[in-house]
Amino acid sequence: MKDLLKNLSNTPGVSGFENEVRDLMTRELNEFVDEISVDNMGNLIAVKNGDPGNKKVMLAAHMDEIGLMVRFIDDKGFIKFSKIGGINDQMLLNQTVYIQTAKGNVTGVIGSKPPHKMKAAELKKIIEFEDMFIDIGASSKEEALKRVNIGDPIIIKQEFKELDNKLVMGKALDNRVGCAILIEVLKQAESEATLYGVGTVQEEVGLKGAKTSAFRINPDIALALDVTISGDHPGIKEEEAPAQAGKGPAIILTDASGRGLITHPQVKELLISTAEEEGIPYQLEVSDGGTTDATSIHLTREGIPTGVISPASRYIHTPVSVINLDDVENTVKLIVAVLKRI
């Protein structure tokens, strides 16, 4: 699992540019499923057939990550960029990045006005991304345009690493963790139901791939596999984010204060009872914050009973997210056990 997660984390896949992640997942799943296809949006749909006439189960994990995009190049060859997905400006400054181009990756650094030349009032403010730029070493706009183009995606450069106590860190763990879980579940699962493992696109910018793939599949039940915020570190109150790394996967009861998903009662009962019967540690979460692919899935067609299972991740939506490997393994165990009961 660790090696799979490393490969997924290190692979680039900004929203709308998920092809390398999709290719990696396809290679991993080829021998373990009956059919793999890619729909018009770019979603990966892997099918593991069950008994004819039985239920259809959709397992969804989004492949995309937050990132940047080349928006403008000035006369001196410095690049201005737009944000793709929810990014806090303060984590961007002075990062090393690489720009994915048709000719290969181009390395750059995110710079801004140096503090020595800032006024006292400026020093107290967070530098906004509009005031940052990327330096690729070009001396002119013409030279820069020979290397990069408007619209090229930009990835923050960060390598996956192992920490102590079963913790690992890397970029894009939201949601390469879910992708790793999806792959392992499809490899291990035994179910009378037909399983549809979906690597969805563009979740970070509007839950787009989940909406179209759920419409196509029209499952009887669905589970979104994602990560949730871990509140076990300084700077955040336990009551704001009670889930903790190492305490088992979180079963999400509601997110976005109910504006997103309110988990279907039968799905909730299935997840909790399975975890208790199998002795798998789990946590329950009622979230005021963001949402997942489940929001789009459960509103498809006439409505689809849907739930969310999420390991807790520290420092979510940064290049140094941290996850506990035991939580990932226990999430796989829980979903495999659930699928036997459907």
C-alpha atoms as a PDB file:
ATOM      1  CA  MET A   1       0.000   0.000   0.000  1.00  0.00           C
ATOM      2  CA  LYS A   2       2.799   2.425   0.850  1.00  0.00           C
ATOM      3  CA  ASP A   3       4.480   2.014  -2.540  1.00  0.00           C
ATOM      4  CA  LEU A   4       1.160   2.403  -4.354  1.00  0.00           C
ATOM      5  CA  LEU A   5       0.370   5.562  -2.408  1.00  0.00           C
ATOM      6  CA  LYS A   6       3.858   6.913  -3.140  1.00  0.00           C
ATOM      7  CA  ASN A   7       3.411   6.405  -6.871  1.00  0.00           C
ATOM      8  CA  LEU A   8      -0.011   8.011  -6.821  1.00  0.00           C
ATOM      9  CA  SER A   9       1.116  10.986  -4.736  1.00  0.00           C
ATOM     10  CA  ASN A  10       4.142  11.703  -6.930  1.00  0.00           C
ATOM     11  CA  THR A  11       2.070  11.543 -10.118  1.00  0.00           C
ATOM     12  CA  PRO A  12       0.736  14.923 -11.346  1.00  0.00           C
ATOM     13  CA  GLY A  13      -2.969  15.429 -11.967  1.00  0.00           C
ATOM     14  CA  VAL A  14      -4.322  18.961 -11.639  1.00  0.00           C
ATOM     15  CA  SER A  15      -8.078  19.192 -12.235  1.00  0.00           C
ATOM     16  CA  GLY A  16      -8.718  18.709 -15.937  1.00  0.00           C
ATOM     17  CA  PHE A  17      -5.319  17.039 -16.464  1.00  0.00           C
ATOM     18  CA  GLU A  18      -5.791  13.704 -14.690  1.00  0.00           C
ATOM     19  CA  ASN A  19      -4.522  11.496 -17.528  1.00  0.00           C
ATOM     20  CA  GLU A  20      -1.296  10.323 -15.826  1.00  0.00           C
ATOM     21  CA  VAL A  21      -3.162   9.311 -12.672  1.00  0.00           C
ATOM     22  CA  ARG A  22      -5.775   7.538 -14.790  1.00  0.00           C
ATOM     23  CA  ASP A  23      -3.059   5.647 -16.683  1.00  0.00           C
ATOM     24  CA  LEU A  24      -1.421   4.542 -13.419  1.00  0.00           C
ATOM     25  CA  MET A  25      -4.740   3.314 -12.022  1.00  0.00           C
ATOM     26  CA  THR A  26      -5.493   1.471 -15.255  1.00  0.00           C
ATOM     27  CA  ARG A  27      -2.175  -0.378 -15.068  1.00  0.00           C
ATOM     28  CA  GLU A  28      -2.845  -1.352 -11.460  1.00  0.00           C
ATOM     29  CA  LEU A  29      -6.370  -2.616 -12.136  1.00  0.00           C
ATOM     30  CA  ASN A  30      -6.066  -4.311 -15.541  1.00  0.00           C
ATOM     31  CA  GLU A  31      -5.647  -7.828 -14.172  1.00  0.00           C
ATOM     32  CA  PHE A  32      -8.259  -7.519 -11.426  1.00  0.00           C
ATOM     33  CA  VAL A  33     -11.401  -6.247 -13.159  1.00  0.00           C
ATOM     34  CA  ASP A  34     -13.539  -7.403 -16.063  1.00  0.00           C
ATOM     35  CA  GLU A  35     -13.749  -4.129 -17.955  1.00  0.00           C
ATOM     36  CA  ILE A  36     -12.103  -0.689 -17.979  1.00  0.00           C
ATOM     37  CA  SER A  37     -13.374   2.302 -19.920  1.00  0.00           C
ATOM     38  CA  VAL A  38     -12.975   6.073 -20.013  1.00  0.00           C
ATOM     39  CA  ASP A  39     -16.047   8.255 -20.479  1.00  0.00           C
ATOM     40  CA  ASN A  40     -16.381  11.579 -22.274  1.00  0.00           C
ATOM     41  CA  MET A  41     -15.371  13.561 -19.185  1.00  0.00           C
ATOM     42  CA  GLY A  42     -12.246  11.474 -18.625  1.00  0.00           C
ATOM     43  CA  ASN A  43     -13.538   9.416 -15.688  1.00  0.00           C
ATOM     44  CA  LEU A  44     -11.985   5.972 -15.312  1.00  0.00           C
ATOM     45  CA  ILE A  45     -14.679   3.308 -14.880  1.00  0.00           C
ATOM     46  CA  ALA A  46     -13.494  -0.155 -13.823  1.00  0.00           C
ATOM     47  CA  VAL A  47     -16.144  -2.889 -13.619  1.00  0.00           C
ATOM     48  CA  LYS A  48     -15.950  -6.065 -11.567  1.00  0.00           C
ATOM     49  CA  ASN A  49     -18.922  -8.223 -12.497  1.00  0.00           C
ATOM     50  CA  GLY A  50     -21.156  -9.816  -9.888  1.00  0.00           C
ATOM     51  CA  ASP A  51     -24.097 -12.147 -10.284  1.00  0.00           C
ATOM     52  CA  PRO A  52     -26.510 -11.125 -13.070  1.00  0.00           C
ATOM     53  CA  GLY A  53     -29.470  -9.138 -11.829  1.00  0.00           C
ATOM     54  CA  ASN A  54     -27.881  -8.167  -8.530  1.00  0.00           C
ATOM     55  CA  LYS A  55     -27.242  -4.651  -7.294  1.00  0.00           C
ATOM     56  CA  LYS A  56     -24.774  -2.154  -8.757  1.00  0.00           C
ATOM     57  CA  VAL A  57     -22.357  -0.496  -6.337  1.00  0.00           C
ATOM     58  CA  MET A  58     -20.371   2.607  -7.247  1.00  0.00           C
ATOM     59  CA  LEU A  59     -17.094   3.362  -5.470  1.00  0.00           C
ATOM     60  CA  ALA A  60     -15.806   6.832  -6.348  1.00  0.00           C
ATOM     61  CA  ALA A  61     -12.410   8.394  -5.674  1.00  0.00           C
ATOM     62  CA  HIS A  62     -11.422  11.627  -7.368  1.00  0.00           C
ATOM     63  CA  MET A  63      -8.139  11.595  -9.267  1.00  0.00           C
ATOM     64  CA  ASP A  64      -7.525  15.333  -9.460  1.00  0.00           C
ATOM     65  CA  GLU A  65      -5.464  17.562  -7.204  1.00  0.00           C
ATOM     66  CA  ILE A  66      -5.413  21.292  -6.584  1.00  0.00           C
ATOM     67  CA  GLY A  67      -2.833  23.223  -8.574  1.00  0.00           C
ATOM     68  CA  LEU A  68      -2.084  26.258 -10.715  1.00  0.00           C
ATOM     69  CA  MET A  69      -2.285  27.276 -14.366  1.00  0.00           C
ATOM     70  CA  VAL A  70      -0.248  29.644 -16.550  1.00  0.00           C
ATOM     71  CA  ARG A  71      -2.400  32.756 -17.092  1.00  0.00           C
ATOM     72  CA  PHE A  72      -0.062  35.488 -18.372  1.00  0.00           C
ATOM     73  CA  ILE A  73       3.609  36.027 -19.274  1.00  0.00           C
ATOM     74  CA  ASP A  74       5.066  39.518 -18.936  1.00  0.00           C
ATOM     75  CA  ASP A  75       7.661  41.138 -21.177  1.00  0.00           C
ATOM     76  CA  LYS A  76      10.529  39.946 -18.966  1.00  0.00           C
ATOM     77  CA  GLY A  77       9.383  36.310 -19.070  1.00  0.00           C
ATOM     78  CA  PHE A  78       7.857  36.107 -15.586  1.00  0.00           C
ATOM     79  CA  ILE A  79       4.682  34.029 -15.327  1.00  0.00           C
ATOM     80  CA  LYS A  80       1.458  35.022 -13.621  1.00  0.00           C
ATOM     81  CA  PHE A  81      -0.869  32.175 -12.674  1.00  0.00           C
ATOM     82  CA  SER A  82      -4.391  31.281 -11.638  1.00  0.00           C
ATOM     83  CA  LYS A  83      -5.364  28.872  -8.881  1.00  0.00           C
ATOM     84  CA  ILE A  84      -7.186  25.636  -9.731  1.00  0.00           C
ATOM     85  CA  GLY A  85      -9.133  24.483  -6.689  1.00  0.00           C
ATOM     86  CA  GLY A  86      -9.062  25.615  -3.063  1.00  0.00           C
ATOM     87  CA  ILE A  87      -5.568  26.888  -2.264  1.00  0.00           C
ATOM     88  CA  ASN A  88      -4.512  29.082   0.644  1.00  0.00           C
ATOM     89  CA  ASP A  89      -2.233  31.794  -0.745  1.00  0.00           C
ATOM     90  CA  GLN A  90       0.217  31.678   2.157  1.00  0.00           C
ATOM     91  CA  MET A  91       1.361  28.149   1.299  1.00  0.00           C
ATOM     92  CA  LEU A  92       2.375  29.115  -2.260  1.00  0.00           C
ATOM     93  CA  LEU A  93       5.170  31.609  -1.676  1.00  0.00           C
ATOM     94  CA  ASN A  94       8.735  30.440  -2.430  1.00  0.00           C
ATOM     95  CA  GLN A  95       7.643  26.970  -3.514  1.00  0.00           C
ATOM     96  CA  THR A  96       9.431  25.091  -6.267  1.00  0.00           C
ATOM     97  CA  VAL A  97       7.050  24.160  -9.081  1.00  0.00           C
ATOM     98  CA  TYR A  98       7.115  22.475 -12.434  1.00  0.00           C
ATOM     99  CA  ILE A  99       5.008  23.395 -15.421  1.00  0.00           C
ATOM    100  CA  GLN A 100       3.677  20.552 -17.548  1.00  0.00           C
ATOM    101  CA  THR A 101       4.147  21.432 -21.206  1.00  0.00           C
ATOM    102  CA  ALA A 102       3.865  19.601 -24.511  1.00  0.00           C
ATOM    103  CA  LYS A 103       7.682  19.487 -24.597  1.00  0.00           C
ATOM    104  CA  GLY A 104       8.172  18.259 -21.029  1.00  0.00           C
ATOM    105  CA  ASN A 105       8.328  19.683 -17.526  1.00  0.00           C
ATOM    106  CA  VAL A 106       9.764  23.153 -16.912  1.00  0.00           C
ATOM    107  CA  THR A 107      11.040  23.961 -13.398  1.00  0.00           C
ATOM    108  CA  GLY A 108      10.323  27.299 -11.776  1.00  0.00           C
ATOM    109  CA  VAL A 109      10.079  29.042  -8.416  1.00  0.00           C
ATOM    110  CA  ILE A 110       7.262  31.182  -7.028  1.00  0.00           C
ATOM    111  CA  GLY A 111       8.616  34.591  -6.072  1.00  0.00           C
ATOM    112  CA  SER A 112       7.367  37.984  -4.928  1.00  0.00           C
ATOM    113  CA  LYS A 113       8.616  41.331  -3.716  1.00  0.00           C
ATOM    114  CA  PRO A 114      11.394  40.693  -1.124  1.00  0.00           C
ATOM    115  CA  PRO A 115      10.648  41.637   2.515  1.00  0.00           C
ATOM    116  CA  HIS A 116      13.596  44.078   2.528  1.00  0.00           C
ATOM    117  CA  LYS A 117      11.632  46.314   0.146  1.00  0.00           C
ATOM    118  CA  MET A 118       8.282  46.026   1.901  1.00  0.00           C
ATOM    119  CA  LYS A 119       6.785  48.726   4.051  1.00  0.00           C
ATOM    120  CA  ALA A 120       5.822  47.886   7.639  1.00  0.00           C
ATOM    121  CA  ALA A 121       2.140  47.551   6.720  1.00  0.00           C
ATOM    122  CA  GLU A 122       2.984  45.174   3.871  1.00  0.00           C
ATOM    123  CA  LEU A 123       5.026  42.898   6.148  1.00  0.00           C
ATOM    124  CA  LYS A 124       1.979  42.284   8.339  1.00  0.00           C
ATOM    125  CA  LYS A 125      -0.176  41.093   5.439  1.00  0.00           C
ATOM    126  CA  ILE A 126      -0.325  37.705   3.732  1.00  0.00           C
ATOM    127  CA  ILE A 127       0.969  38.080   0.190  1.00  0.00           C
ATOM    128  CA  GLU A 128      -1.839  37.290  -2.220  1.00  0.00           C
ATOM    129  CA  PHE A 129      -1.274  35.043  -5.205  1.00  0.00           C
ATOM    130  CA  GLU A 130      -1.993  37.907  -7.595  1.00  0.00           C
ATOM    131  CA  ASP A 131       1.210  39.546  -6.333  1.00  0.00           C
ATOM    132  CA  MET A 132       3.300  36.406  -6.898  1.00  0.00           C
ATOM    133  CA  PHE A 133       4.939  35.196 -10.088  1.00  0.00           C
ATOM    134  CA  ILE A 134       6.873  32.197 -11.385  1.00  0.00           C
ATOM    135  CA  ASP A 135      10.481  32.577 -12.450  1.00  0.00           C
ATOM    136  CA  ILE A 136      11.618  29.938 -14.982  1.00  0.00           C
ATOM    137  CA  GLY A 137      14.845  31.741 -15.830  1.00  0.00           C
ATOM    138  CA  ALA A 138      13.557  33.265 -19.049  1.00  0.00           C
ATOM    139  CA  SER A 139      14.841  36.699 -20.079  1.00  0.00           C
ATOM    140  CA  SER A 140      11.868  37.720 -22.216  1.00  0.00           C
ATOM    141  CA  LYS A 141       8.289  36.860 -23.066  1.00  0.00           C
ATOM    142  CA  GLU A 142       9.422  35.402 -26.383  1.00  0.00           C
ATOM    143  CA  GLU A 143      11.917  33.118 -24.670  1.00  0.00           C
ATOM    144  CA  ALA A 144       9.352  31.983 -22.094  1.00  0.00           C
ATOM    145  CA  LEU A 145       6.801  31.198 -24.800  1.00  0.00           C
ATOM    146  CA  LYS A 146       9.286  28.832 -26.420  1.00  0.00           C
ATOM    147  CA  ARG A 147       9.103  26.744 -23.246  1.00  0.00           C
ATOM    148  CA  VAL A 148       5.595  27.198 -21.822  1.00  0.00           C
ATOM    149  CA  ASN A 149       2.133  28.135 -23.064  1.00  0.00           C
ATOM    150  CA  ILE A 150      -0.896  29.886 -21.610  1.00  0.00           C
ATOM    151  CA  GLY A 151      -3.076  27.219 -19.995  1.00  0.00           C
ATOM    152  CA  ASP A 152      -0.279  24.828 -19.016  1.00  0.00           C
ATOM    153  CA  PRO A 153      -0.922  23.207 -15.610  1.00  0.00           C
ATOM    154  CA  ILE A 154       1.501  23.859 -12.753  1.00  0.00           C
ATOM    155  CA  ILE A 155       2.369  21.381  -9.992  1.00  0.00           C
ATOM    156  CA  ILE A 156       4.038  22.183  -6.666  1.00  0.00           C
ATOM    157  CA  LYS A 157       7.148  20.003  -6.506  1.00  0.00           C
ATOM    158  CA  GLN A 158       7.083  17.694  -3.484  1.00  0.00           C
ATOM    159  CA  GLU A 159       8.204  14.087  -3.061  1.00  0.00           C
ATOM    160  CA  PHE A 160       6.379  11.492  -0.982  1.00  0.00           C
ATOM    161  CA  LYS A 161       8.222  10.637   2.250  1.00  0.00           C
ATOM    162  CA  GLU A 162       7.792   8.291   5.198  1.00  0.00           C
ATOM    163  CA  LEU A 163       7.623   9.686   8.739  1.00  0.00           C
ATOM    164  CA  ASP A 164       7.530   7.799  12.057  1.00  0.00           C
ATOM    165  CA  ASN A 165       4.554   6.020  13.632  1.00  0.00           C
ATOM    166  CA  LYS A 166       2.993   4.780  10.394  1.00  0.00           C
ATOM    167  CA  LEU A 167       2.694   8.345   9.065  1.00  0.00           C
ATOM    168  CA  VAL A 168       3.566   9.375   5.512  1.00  0.00           C
ATOM    169  CA  MET A 169       3.545  12.785   3.831  1.00  0.00           C
ATOM    170  CA  GLY A 170       3.210  14.017   0.288  1.00  0.00           C
ATOM    171  CA  LYS A 171       1.322  16.195  -2.135  1.00  0.00           C
ATOM    172  CA  ALA A 172      -2.147  15.390  -3.445  1.00  0.00           C
ATOM    173  CA  LEU A 173      -3.033  12.951  -0.666  1.00  0.00           C
ATOM    174  CA  ASP A 174      -6.425  14.549  -1.248  1.00  0.00           C
ATOM    175  CA  ASN A 175      -7.292  12.382  -2.957  1.00  0.00           C
ATOM    176  CA  ARG A 176      -4.649   9.886  -4.002  1.00  0.00           C
ATOM    177  CA  VAL A 177      -5.427   8.195  -0.696  1.00  0.00           C
ATOM    178  CA  GLY A 178      -8.929   7.494  -2.011  1.00  0.00           C
ATOM    179  CA  CYS A 179      -7.483   6.272  -5.315  1.00  0.00           C
ATOM    180  CA  ALA A 180      -5.181   3.833  -3.488  1.00  0.00           C
ATOM    181  CA  ILE A 181      -8.104   2.561  -1.411  1.00  0.00           C
ATOM    182  CA  LEU A 182     -10.225   2.111  -4.543  1.00  0.00           C
ATOM    183  CA  ILE A 183      -7.487   0.096  -6.250  1.00  0.00           C
ATOM    184  CA  GLU A 184      -6.925  -2.193  -3.266  1.00  0.00           C
ATOM    185  CA  VAL A 185     -10.655  -2.730  -2.706  1.00  0.00           C
ATOM    186  CA  LEU A 186     -11.184  -3.786  -6.331  1.00  0.00           C
ATOM    187  CA  LYS A 187      -8.224  -6.163  -6.075  1.00  0.00           C
ATOM    188  CA  GLN A 188      -9.570  -7.814  -2.920  1.00  0.00           C
ATOM    189  CA  ALA A 189     -13.353  -7.489  -3.144  1.00  0.00           C
ATOM    190  CA  GLU A 190     -15.677 -10.476  -3.325  1.00  0.00           C
ATOM    191  CA  SER A 191     -19.292  -9.476  -3.842  1.00  0.00           C
ATOM    192  CA  GLU A 192     -22.458 -10.722  -5.472  1.00  0.00           C
ATOM    193  CA  ALA A 193     -23.019  -7.128  -6.595  1.00  0.00           C
ATOM    194  CA  THR A 194     -21.425  -5.652  -9.706  1.00  0.00           C
ATOM    195  CA  LEU A 195     -18.798  -3.134  -8.626  1.00  0.00           C
ATOM    196  CA  TYR A 196     -18.053   0.067 -10.503  1.00  0.00           C
ATOM    197  CA  GLY A 197     -14.786   1.598  -9.372  1.00  0.00           C
ATOM    198  CA  VAL A 198     -14.677   5.174 -10.653  1.00  0.00           C
ATOM    199  CA  GLY A 199     -11.686   7.482 -10.689  1.00  0.00           C
ATOM    200  CA  THR A 200     -13.493  10.785 -11.069  1.00  0.00           C
ATOM    201  CA  VAL A 201     -12.202  13.999 -12.631  1.00  0.00           C
ATOM    202  CA  GLN A 202     -12.516  17.630 -11.548  1.00  0.00           C
ATOM    203  CA  GLU A 203     -13.843  17.058  -8.035  1.00  0.00           C
ATOM    204  CA  GLU A 204     -11.818  19.972  -6.681  1.00  0.00           C
ATOM    205  CA  VAL A 205     -13.535  22.402  -9.055  1.00  0.00           C
ATOM    206  CA  GLY A 206     -17.165  21.361  -8.736  1.00  0.00           C
ATOM    207  CA  LEU A 207     -17.652  17.576  -8.323  1.00  0.00           C
ATOM    208  CA  LYS A 208     -18.003  17.367 -12.094  1.00  0.00           C
ATOM    209  CA  GLY A 209     -16.875  13.841 -12.937  1.00  0.00           C
ATOM    210  CA  ALA A 210     -18.968  12.280 -10.192  1.00  0.00           C
ATOM    211  CA  LYS A 211     -22.105  13.850 -11.622  1.00  0.00           C
ATOM    212  CA  THR A 212     -21.671  12.472 -15.147  1.00  0.00           C
ATOM    213  CA  SER A 213     -20.353   9.030 -14.167  1.00  0.00           C
ATOM    214  CA  ALA A 214     -23.138   8.443 -11.647  1.00  0.00           C
ATOM    215  CA  PHE A 215     -25.709   9.331 -14.294  1.00  0.00           C
ATOM    216  CA  ARG A 216     -24.164   6.779 -16.649  1.00  0.00           C
ATOM    217  CA  ILE A 217     -23.879   3.969 -14.092  1.00  0.00           C
ATOM    218  CA  ASN A 218     -27.098   4.653 -12.156  1.00  0.00           C
ATOM    219  CA  PRO A 219     -25.977   2.552  -9.166  1.00  0.00           C
ATOM    220  CA  ASP A 220     -28.183   1.195  -6.388  1.00  0.00           C
ATOM    221  CA  ILE A 221     -25.727   2.378  -3.718  1.00  0.00           C
ATOM    222  CA  ALA A 222     -22.559   4.456  -3.750  1.00  0.00           C
ATOM    223  CA  LEU A 223     -19.588   5.204  -1.526  1.00  0.00           C
ATOM    224  CA  ALA A 224     -17.245   8.141  -1.997  1.00  0.00           C
ATOM    225  CA  LEU A 225     -13.680   7.496  -0.867  1.00  0.00           C
ATOM    226  CA  ASP A 226     -11.894  10.669   0.194  1.00  0.00           C
ATOM    227  CA  VAL A 227      -9.977  12.186   3.108  1.00  0.00           C
ATOM    228  CA  THR A 228     -11.202  14.397   5.925  1.00  0.00           C
ATOM    229  CA  ILE A 229      -9.546  16.985   8.154  1.00  0.00           C
ATOM    230  CA  SER A 230      -7.529  15.643  11.078  1.00  0.00           C
ATOM    231  CA  GLY A 231      -7.795  17.863  14.142  1.00  0.00           C
ATOM    232  CA  ASP A 232      -5.012  16.275  16.200  1.00  0.00           C
ATOM    233  CA  HIS A 233      -2.362  18.992  15.823  1.00  0.00           C
ATOM    234  CA  PRO A 234      -1.762  22.516  17.151  1.00  0.00           C
ATOM    235  CA  GLY A 235      -3.797  25.373  15.721  1.00  0.00           C
ATOM    236  CA  ILE A 236      -7.147  23.624  15.543  1.00  0.00           C
ATOM    237  CA  LYS A 237      -9.677  22.759  18.240  1.00  0.00           C
ATOM    238  CA  GLU A 238     -10.785  19.140  18.662  1.00  0.00           C
ATOM    239  CA  GLU A 239     -14.426  20.221  18.516  1.00  0.00           C
ATOM    240  CA  GLU A 240     -13.790  21.831  15.109  1.00  0.00           C
ATOM    241  CA  ALA A 241     -12.285  18.656  13.607  1.00  0.00           C
ATOM    242  CA  PRO A 242     -12.688  15.664  15.959  1.00  0.00           C
ATOM    243  CA  ALA A 243     -11.319  13.037  13.550  1.00  0.00           C
ATOM    244  CA  GLN A 244      -7.749  11.971  14.324  1.00  0.00           C
ATOM    245  CA  ALA A 245      -5.041  10.209  12.356  1.00  0.00           C
ATOM    246  CA  GLY A 246      -4.555   6.632  13.543  1.00  0.00           C
ATOM    247  CA  LYS A 247      -8.047   6.186  15.007  1.00  0.00           C
ATOM    248  CA  GLY A 248      -9.585   4.478  11.977  1.00  0.00           C
ATOM    249  CA  PRO A 249     -11.551   5.741   8.963  1.00  0.00           C
ATOM    250  CA  ALA A 250     -14.192   8.405   9.530  1.00  0.00           C
ATOM    251  CA  ILE A 251     -17.733   7.559   8.520  1.00  0.00           C
ATOM    252  CA  ILE A 252     -19.189  10.901   7.441  1.00  0.00           C
ATOM    253  CA  LEU A 253     -22.743  11.479   8.669  1.00  0.00           C
ATOM    254  CA  THR A 254     -23.171  14.948   7.149  1.00  0.00           C
ATOM    255  CA  ASP A 255     -20.900  17.466   5.471  1.00  0.00           C
ATOM    256  CA  ALA A 256     -21.170  21.173   4.663  1.00  0.00           C
ATOM    257  CA  SER A 257     -23.737  21.413   7.494  1.00  0.00           C
ATOM    258  CA  GLY A 258     -26.127  19.274   5.482  1.00  0.00           C
ATOM    259  CA  ARG A 259     -25.879  21.382   2.341  1.00  0.00           C
ATOM    260  CA  GLY A 260     -23.694  18.636   0.885  1.00  0.00           C
ATOM    261  CA  LEU A 261     -24.465  15.057   1.904  1.00  0.00           C
ATOM    262  CA  ILE A 262     -26.680  13.743   4.657  1.00  0.00           C
ATOM    263  CA  THR A 263     -25.784  10.072   4.648  1.00  0.00           C
ATOM    264  CA  HIS A 264     -28.640   7.730   3.809  1.00  0.00           C
ATOM    265  CA  PRO A 265     -29.811   5.969   7.024  1.00  0.00           C
ATOM    266  CA  GLN A 266     -29.422   2.455   5.583  1.00  0.00           C
ATOM    267  CA  VAL A 267     -25.919   3.236   4.333  1.00  0.00           C
ATOM    268  CA  LYS A 268     -25.011   4.692   7.720  1.00  0.00           C
ATOM    269  CA  GLU A 269     -26.272   1.581   9.497  1.00  0.00           C
ATOM    270  CA  LEU A 270     -24.465  -0.726   7.058  1.00  0.00           C
ATOM    271  CA  LEU A 271     -21.129   1.016   7.538  1.00  0.00           C
ATOM    272  CA  ILE A 272     -21.314   1.246  11.326  1.00  0.00           C
ATOM    273  CA  SER A 273     -22.623  -2.283  11.920  1.00  0.00           C
ATOM    274  CA  THR A 274     -20.014  -3.779   9.595  1.00  0.00           C
ATOM    275  CA  ALA A 275     -17.180  -1.956  11.358  1.00  0.00           C
ATOM    276  CA  GLU A 276     -18.403  -3.120  14.758  1.00  0.00           C
ATOM    277  CA  GLU A 277     -18.973  -6.722  13.689  1.00  0.00           C
ATOM    278  CA  GLU A 278     -15.537  -6.905  12.058  1.00  0.00           C
ATOM    279  CA  GLY A 279     -13.735  -5.121  14.907  1.00  0.00           C
ATOM    280  CA  ILE A 280     -12.486  -2.369  12.586  1.00  0.00           C
ATOM    281  CA  PRO A 281     -11.797   0.961  14.341  1.00  0.00           C
ATOM    282  CA  TYR A 282     -13.857   3.851  13.022  1.00  0.00           C
ATOM    283  CA  GLN A 283     -14.827   7.426  13.795  1.00  0.00           C
ATOM    284  CA  LEU A 284     -18.040   9.356  13.196  1.00  0.00           C
ATOM    285  CA  GLU A 285     -18.006  12.857  11.778  1.00  0.00           C
ATOM    286  CA  VAL A 286     -20.536  15.644  11.396  1.00  0.00           C
ATOM    287  CA  SER A 287     -18.817  18.284   9.285  1.00  0.00           C
ATOM    288  CA  ASP A 288     -19.481  21.994   8.832  1.00  0.00           C
ATOM    289  CA  GLY A 289     -16.852  22.309   6.109  1.00  0.00           C
ATOM    290  CA  GLY A 290     -16.362  21.022   2.584  1.00  0.00           C
ATOM    291  CA  THR A 291     -17.997  18.222   0.696  1.00  0.00           C
ATOM    292  CA  THR A 292     -17.117  15.332  -1.623  1.00  0.00           C
ATOM    293  CA  ASP A 293     -18.206  13.553  -4.797  1.00  0.00           C
ATOM    294  CA  ALA A 294     -21.005  12.025  -2.733  1.00  0.00           C
ATOM    295  CA  THR A 295     -22.957  15.286  -2.968  1.00  0.00           C
ATOM    296  CA  SER A 296     -23.223  14.995  -6.738  1.00  0.00           C
ATOM    297  CA  ILE A 297     -23.759  11.242  -6.727  1.00  0.00           C
ATOM    298  CA  HIS A 298     -26.646  11.124  -4.258  1.00  0.00           C
ATOM    299  CA  LEU A 299     -28.633  13.719  -6.233  1.00  0.00           C
ATOM    300  CA  THR A 300     -28.352  11.866  -9.542  1.00  0.00           C
ATOM    301  CA  ARG A 301     -31.494  10.702 -11.343  1.00  0.00           C
ATOM    302  CA  GLU A 302     -34.071   9.703  -8.703  1.00  0.00           C
ATOM    303  CA  GLY A 303     -31.515   9.790  -5.875  1.00  0.00           C
ATOM    304  CA  ILE A 304     -28.832   7.257  -4.913  1.00  0.00           C
ATOM    305  CA  PRO A 305     -28.249   6.073  -1.322  1.00  0.00           C
ATOM    306  CA  THR A 306     -24.689   7.270  -0.698  1.00  0.00           C
ATOM    307  CA  GLY A 307     -22.082   7.427   2.047  1.00  0.00           C
ATOM    308  CA  VAL A 308     -18.524   8.661   2.540  1.00  0.00           C
ATOM    309  CA  ILE A 309     -15.573   6.898   4.165  1.00  0.00           C
ATOM    310  CA  SER A 310     -12.534   9.083   4.832  1.00  0.00           C
ATOM    311  CA  PRO A 311      -9.219   8.576   6.624  1.00  0.00           C
ATOM    312  CA  ALA A 312      -8.183  11.726   8.500  1.00  0.00           C
ATOM    313  CA  SER A 313      -5.401  13.779   6.896  1.00  0.00           C
ATOM    314  CA  ARG A 314      -3.328  16.489   8.532  1.00  0.00           C
ATOM    315  CA  TYR A 315      -2.582  19.713   6.602  1.00  0.00           C
ATOM    316  CA  ILE A 316      -5.111  18.985   3.878  1.00  0.00           C
ATOM    317  CA  HIS A 317      -4.819  20.985   0.626  1.00  0.00           C
ATOM    318  CA  THR A 318      -1.099  21.588   1.080  1.00  0.00           C
ATOM    319  CA  PRO A 319       1.932  19.866  -0.507  1.00  0.00           C
ATOM    320  CA  VAL A 320       2.790  18.313   2.876  1.00  0.00           C
ATOM    321  CA  SER A 321      -0.380  16.445   3.805  1.00  0.00           C
ATOM    322  CA  VAL A 322       0.105  13.630   6.329  1.00  0.00           C
ATOM    323  CA  ILE A 323      -1.845  10.372   6.544  1.00  0.00           C
ATOM    324  CA  ASN A 324      -1.663   7.281   8.766  1.00  0.00           C
ATOM    325  CA  LEU A 325      -1.142   4.058   6.790  1.00  0.00           C
ATOM    326  CA  ASP A 326      -3.124   1.984   9.300  1.00  0.00           C
ATOM    327  CA  ASP A 327      -6.147   4.191   8.602  1.00  0.00           C
ATOM    328  CA  VAL A 328      -5.791   3.518   4.896  1.00  0.00           C
ATOM    329  CA  GLU A 329      -5.551  -0.243   5.447  1.00  0.00           C
ATOM    330  CA  ASN A 330      -8.537  -0.231   7.802  1.00  0.00           C
ATOM    331  CA  THR A 331     -10.593   1.699   5.257  1.00  0.00           C
ATOM    332  CA  VAL A 332      -9.885  -1.025   2.700  1.00  0.00           C
ATOM    333  CA  LYS A 333     -10.881  -3.706   5.208  1.00  0.00           C
ATOM    334  CA  LEU A 334     -14.124  -1.930   6.029  1.00  0.00           C
ATOM    335  CA  ILE A 335     -15.188  -1.459   2.414  1.00  0.00           C
ATOM    336  CA  VAL A 336     -14.306  -5.046   1.471  1.00  0.00           C
ATOM    337  CA  ALA A 337     -16.390  -6.278   4.407  1.00  0.00           C
ATOM    338  CA  VAL A 338     -19.289  -4.007   3.449  1.00  0.00           C
ATOM    339  CA  LEU A 339     -19.284  -5.294  -0.130  1.00  0.00           C
ATOM    340  CA  LYS A 340     -19.673  -8.883   1.099  1.00  0.00           C
ATOM    341  CA  ARG A 341     -22.890  -7.840   2.857  1.00  0.00           C
ATOM    342  CA  ILE A 342     -24.547  -6.113  -0.105  1.00  0.00           C
END
